[in-house]
Amino acid sequence: EEDIRVSPNSKIILKQYYKSCGHTIEEEYNVPEDIVNMTKKQVVQYYNEWVVDEFSKDEIKIHKENTGRCNEHYIAKDTNEYIVIYSVGDNNKENIVKKTDISTKYLSEEDKERLKDGINIVGKENLNVFLEDFE
């Protein structure tokens, strides 16, 4: 196993579980240059806050557990007669992600009411679908 080294063409798959919201986010990347030619032992040391689940010259799978909430929680609100998207972090802190040019003036009363209260959206794909529905 010490003979196996990370190839420059390797993929790394990061899987993160978030305790606060219960979501798991999986992302795939090309390996960073820093770990090319490393052995499994060196990769374990490099990613010391992660657990290495699988290791080959072509693919590395690692995971980690986080106490907080994942970064895929959004809320859409009517702010100054436009739809504004906020990310919702730990402690329900809201940060503006996107100010859209979608006017709320011509929306139905039901949509206006829902936006006044805030519409919760989970996931980037769902956020894109939501925005497309109003464009």
C-alpha atoms as a PDB file:
ATOM      1  CA  GLU A   1       0.000   0.000   0.000  1.00  0.00           C
ATOM      2  CA  GLU A   2       2.938   2.360   0.592  1.00  0.00           C
ATOM      3  CA  ASP A   3       3.840   1.956  -3.088  1.00  0.00           C
ATOM      4  CA  ILE A   4       0.534   3.465  -4.209  1.00  0.00           C
ATOM      5  CA  ARG A   5       0.826   7.189  -4.800  1.00  0.00           C
ATOM      6  CA  VAL A   6      -1.667   9.875  -5.799  1.00  0.00           C
ATOM      7  CA  SER A   7      -1.704  10.418  -9.546  1.00  0.00           C
ATOM      8  CA  PRO A   8      -1.924  13.958 -11.024  1.00  0.00           C
ATOM      9  CA  ASN A   9      -5.158  12.818 -12.736  1.00  0.00           C
ATOM     10  CA  SER A  10      -6.757  11.546  -9.521  1.00  0.00           C
ATOM     11  CA  LYS A  11     -10.150  12.627  -8.244  1.00  0.00           C
ATOM     12  CA  ILE A  12     -10.921  13.400  -4.640  1.00  0.00           C
ATOM     13  CA  ILE A  13     -14.439  12.942  -3.319  1.00  0.00           C
ATOM     14  CA  LEU A  14     -15.296  14.940  -0.198  1.00  0.00           C
ATOM     15  CA  LYS A  15     -18.367  13.925   1.774  1.00  0.00           C
ATOM     16  CA  GLN A  16     -19.492  16.158   4.636  1.00  0.00           C
ATOM     17  CA  TYR A  17     -22.299  15.395   7.070  1.00  0.00           C
ATOM     18  CA  TYR A  18     -23.852  18.321   8.953  1.00  0.00           C
ATOM     19  CA  LYS A  19     -25.359  17.399  12.336  1.00  0.00           C
ATOM     20  CA  SER A  20     -27.437  20.555  12.728  1.00  0.00           C
ATOM     21  CA  CYS A  21     -29.499  20.065   9.544  1.00  0.00           C
ATOM     22  CA  GLY A  22     -28.876  16.369   8.864  1.00  0.00           C
ATOM     23  CA  HIS A  23     -27.686  16.958   5.290  1.00  0.00           C
ATOM     24  CA  THR A  24     -24.776  15.279   3.542  1.00  0.00           C
ATOM     25  CA  ILE A  25     -22.942  17.181   0.809  1.00  0.00           C
ATOM     26  CA  GLU A  26     -20.710  15.288  -1.611  1.00  0.00           C
ATOM     27  CA  GLU A  27     -18.307  17.093  -3.946  1.00  0.00           C
ATOM     28  CA  GLU A  28     -15.782  15.805  -6.466  1.00  0.00           C
ATOM     29  CA  TYR A  29     -12.608  17.627  -7.477  1.00  0.00           C
ATOM     30  CA  ASN A  30      -9.305  17.051  -9.208  1.00  0.00           C
ATOM     31  CA  VAL A  31      -6.722  16.424  -6.506  1.00  0.00           C
ATOM     32  CA  PRO A  32      -4.779  19.486  -5.375  1.00  0.00           C
ATOM     33  CA  GLU A  33      -1.191  19.658  -6.592  1.00  0.00           C
ATOM     34  CA  ASP A  34      -0.022  19.521  -2.973  1.00  0.00           C
ATOM     35  CA  ILE A  35      -0.938  15.848  -2.632  1.00  0.00           C
ATOM     36  CA  VAL A  36       0.253  14.504  -6.004  1.00  0.00           C
ATOM     37  CA  ASN A  37       2.711  11.629  -5.431  1.00  0.00           C
ATOM     38  CA  MET A  38       1.725  11.288  -1.756  1.00  0.00           C
ATOM     39  CA  THR A  39       1.205   7.877  -0.155  1.00  0.00           C
ATOM     40  CA  LYS A  40      -1.943   6.991   1.799  1.00  0.00           C
ATOM     41  CA  LYS A  41      -0.119   7.683   5.066  1.00  0.00           C
ATOM     42  CA  GLN A  42       0.868  11.165   3.859  1.00  0.00           C
ATOM     43  CA  VAL A  43      -2.685  11.881   2.627  1.00  0.00           C
ATOM     44  CA  VAL A  44      -4.088  10.851   6.036  1.00  0.00           C
ATOM     45  CA  GLN A  45      -1.691  13.328   7.684  1.00  0.00           C
ATOM     46  CA  TYR A  46      -2.521  16.067   5.153  1.00  0.00           C
ATOM     47  CA  TYR A  47      -6.289  15.660   5.692  1.00  0.00           C
ATOM     48  CA  ASN A  48      -5.948  15.204   9.461  1.00  0.00           C
ATOM     49  CA  GLU A  49      -9.486  16.484  10.185  1.00  0.00           C
ATOM     50  CA  TRP A  50     -10.977  14.017   7.707  1.00  0.00           C
ATOM     51  CA  VAL A  51     -11.366  10.231   7.593  1.00  0.00           C
ATOM     52  CA  VAL A  52      -9.860   8.563   4.520  1.00  0.00           C
ATOM     53  CA  ASP A  53     -12.390   5.922   3.423  1.00  0.00           C
ATOM     54  CA  GLU A  54     -10.832   4.790   0.141  1.00  0.00           C
ATOM     55  CA  PHE A  55      -7.436   5.353  -1.389  1.00  0.00           C
ATOM     56  CA  SER A  56      -6.116   4.441  -4.827  1.00  0.00           C
ATOM     57  CA  LYS A  57      -3.897   6.170  -7.356  1.00  0.00           C
ATOM     58  CA  ASP A  58      -7.016   7.298  -9.258  1.00  0.00           C
ATOM     59  CA  GLU A  59      -9.479   8.170  -6.507  1.00  0.00           C
ATOM     60  CA  ILE A  60      -9.527   9.224  -2.859  1.00  0.00           C
ATOM     61  CA  LYS A  61     -12.717   9.282  -0.799  1.00  0.00           C
ATOM     62  CA  ILE A  62     -12.758  11.182   2.473  1.00  0.00           C
ATOM     63  CA  HIS A  63     -15.479  12.276   4.890  1.00  0.00           C
ATOM     64  CA  LYS A  64     -15.999  14.454   7.916  1.00  0.00           C
ATOM     65  CA  GLU A  65     -18.766  15.355  10.354  1.00  0.00           C
ATOM     66  CA  ASN A  66     -19.572  18.988  11.084  1.00  0.00           C
ATOM     67  CA  THR A  67     -21.590  20.269  14.021  1.00  0.00           C
ATOM     68  CA  GLY A  68     -23.202  23.185  12.168  1.00  0.00           C
ATOM     69  CA  ARG A  69     -25.568  23.586   9.252  1.00  0.00           C
ATOM     70  CA  CYS A  70     -24.626  23.080   5.597  1.00  0.00           C
ATOM     71  CA  ASN A  71     -24.382  26.070   3.257  1.00  0.00           C
ATOM     72  CA  GLU A  72     -27.400  25.090   1.154  1.00  0.00           C
ATOM     73  CA  HIS A  73     -30.143  26.716   3.238  1.00  0.00           C
ATOM     74  CA  TYR A  74     -31.729  29.803   1.702  1.00  0.00           C
ATOM     75  CA  ILE A  75     -34.668  32.085   2.299  1.00  0.00           C
ATOM     76  CA  ALA A  76     -36.315  34.229  -0.385  1.00  0.00           C
ATOM     77  CA  LYS A  77     -37.894  37.481   0.778  1.00  0.00           C
ATOM     78  CA  ASP A  78     -39.515  40.590  -0.605  1.00  0.00           C
ATOM     79  CA  THR A  79     -37.065  43.397   0.128  1.00  0.00           C
ATOM     80  CA  ASN A  80     -37.946  46.831  -1.261  1.00  0.00           C
ATOM     81  CA  GLU A  81     -40.310  45.218  -3.817  1.00  0.00           C
ATOM     82  CA  TYR A  82     -37.669  42.835  -5.196  1.00  0.00           C
ATOM     83  CA  ILE A  83     -36.924  39.192  -4.448  1.00  0.00           C
ATOM     84  CA  VAL A  84     -33.735  38.918  -2.403  1.00  0.00           C
ATOM     85  CA  ILE A  85     -32.070  35.599  -1.581  1.00  0.00           C
ATOM     86  CA  TYR A  86     -30.409  35.119   1.802  1.00  0.00           C
ATOM     87  CA  SER A  87     -28.288  32.235   3.027  1.00  0.00           C
ATOM     88  CA  VAL A  88     -29.274  30.973   6.448  1.00  0.00           C
ATOM     89  CA  GLY A  89     -26.377  29.946   8.638  1.00  0.00           C
ATOM     90  CA  ASP A  90     -26.027  28.664  12.150  1.00  0.00           C
ATOM     91  CA  ASN A  91     -28.148  30.543  14.693  1.00  0.00           C
ATOM     92  CA  ASN A  92     -30.472  31.390  11.743  1.00  0.00           C
ATOM     93  CA  LYS A  93     -28.224  34.319  10.782  1.00  0.00           C
ATOM     94  CA  GLU A  94     -29.232  35.616   7.331  1.00  0.00           C
ATOM     95  CA  ASN A  95     -26.714  36.935   4.801  1.00  0.00           C
ATOM     96  CA  ILE A  96     -27.597  38.354   1.400  1.00  0.00           C
ATOM     97  CA  VAL A  97     -26.569  35.994  -1.401  1.00  0.00           C
ATOM     98  CA  LYS A  98     -28.298  37.631  -4.337  1.00  0.00           C
ATOM     99  CA  LYS A  99     -30.390  40.707  -5.011  1.00  0.00           C
ATOM    100  CA  THR A 100     -32.515  39.783  -8.001  1.00  0.00           C
ATOM    101  CA  ASP A 101     -34.114  42.120 -10.509  1.00  0.00           C
ATOM    102  CA  ILE A 102     -37.410  40.260 -10.067  1.00  0.00           C
ATOM    103  CA  SER A 103     -40.037  42.796  -9.029  1.00  0.00           C
ATOM    104  CA  THR A 104     -42.703  41.667  -6.576  1.00  0.00           C
ATOM    105  CA  LYS A 105     -45.152  44.385  -7.680  1.00  0.00           C
ATOM    106  CA  TYR A 106     -46.908  42.182 -10.215  1.00  0.00           C
ATOM    107  CA  LEU A 107     -46.928  38.903  -8.279  1.00  0.00           C
ATOM    108  CA  SER A 108     -50.081  37.324  -6.934  1.00  0.00           C
ATOM    109  CA  GLU A 109     -51.184  38.310  -3.436  1.00  0.00           C
ATOM    110  CA  GLU A 110     -50.416  34.753  -2.308  1.00  0.00           C
ATOM    111  CA  ASP A 111     -46.824  34.949  -3.586  1.00  0.00           C
ATOM    112  CA  LYS A 112     -46.376  38.403  -2.037  1.00  0.00           C
ATOM    113  CA  GLU A 113     -47.602  37.075   1.318  1.00  0.00           C
ATOM    114  CA  ARG A 114     -45.302  34.032   1.155  1.00  0.00           C
ATOM    115  CA  LEU A 115     -42.323  36.246   0.284  1.00  0.00           C
ATOM    116  CA  LYS A 116     -43.185  38.647   3.105  1.00  0.00           C
ATOM    117  CA  ASP A 117     -42.965  35.706   5.542  1.00  0.00           C
ATOM    118  CA  GLY A 118     -39.913  34.288   3.719  1.00  0.00           C
ATOM    119  CA  ILE A 119     -39.821  31.155   1.574  1.00  0.00           C
ATOM    120  CA  ASN A 120     -37.357  28.518   2.776  1.00  0.00           C
ATOM    121  CA  ILE A 121     -35.376  26.741   0.046  1.00  0.00           C
ATOM    122  CA  VAL A 122     -32.887  23.910   0.534  1.00  0.00           C
ATOM    123  CA  GLY A 123     -30.279  23.199  -2.146  1.00  0.00           C
ATOM    124  CA  LYS A 124     -28.736  25.197  -4.962  1.00  0.00           C
ATOM    125  CA  GLU A 125     -30.751  23.304  -7.594  1.00  0.00           C
ATOM    126  CA  ASN A 126     -34.011  24.095  -5.799  1.00  0.00           C
ATOM    127  CA  LEU A 127     -32.950  27.728  -5.534  1.00  0.00           C
ATOM    128  CA  ASN A 128     -32.343  27.879  -9.301  1.00  0.00           C
ATOM    129  CA  VAL A 129     -35.742  26.277 -10.011  1.00  0.00           C
ATOM    130  CA  PHE A 130     -37.410  28.753  -7.624  1.00  0.00           C
ATOM    131  CA  LEU A 131     -35.813  31.744  -9.372  1.00  0.00           C
ATOM    132  CA  GLU A 132     -36.679  30.413 -12.843  1.00  0.00           C
ATOM    133  CA  ASP A 133     -40.322  30.136 -11.782  1.00  0.00           C
ATOM    134  CA  PHE A 134     -40.440  33.860 -11.048  1.00  0.00           C
ATOM    135  CA  GLU A 135     -38.414  35.110 -14.032  1.00  0.00           C
END
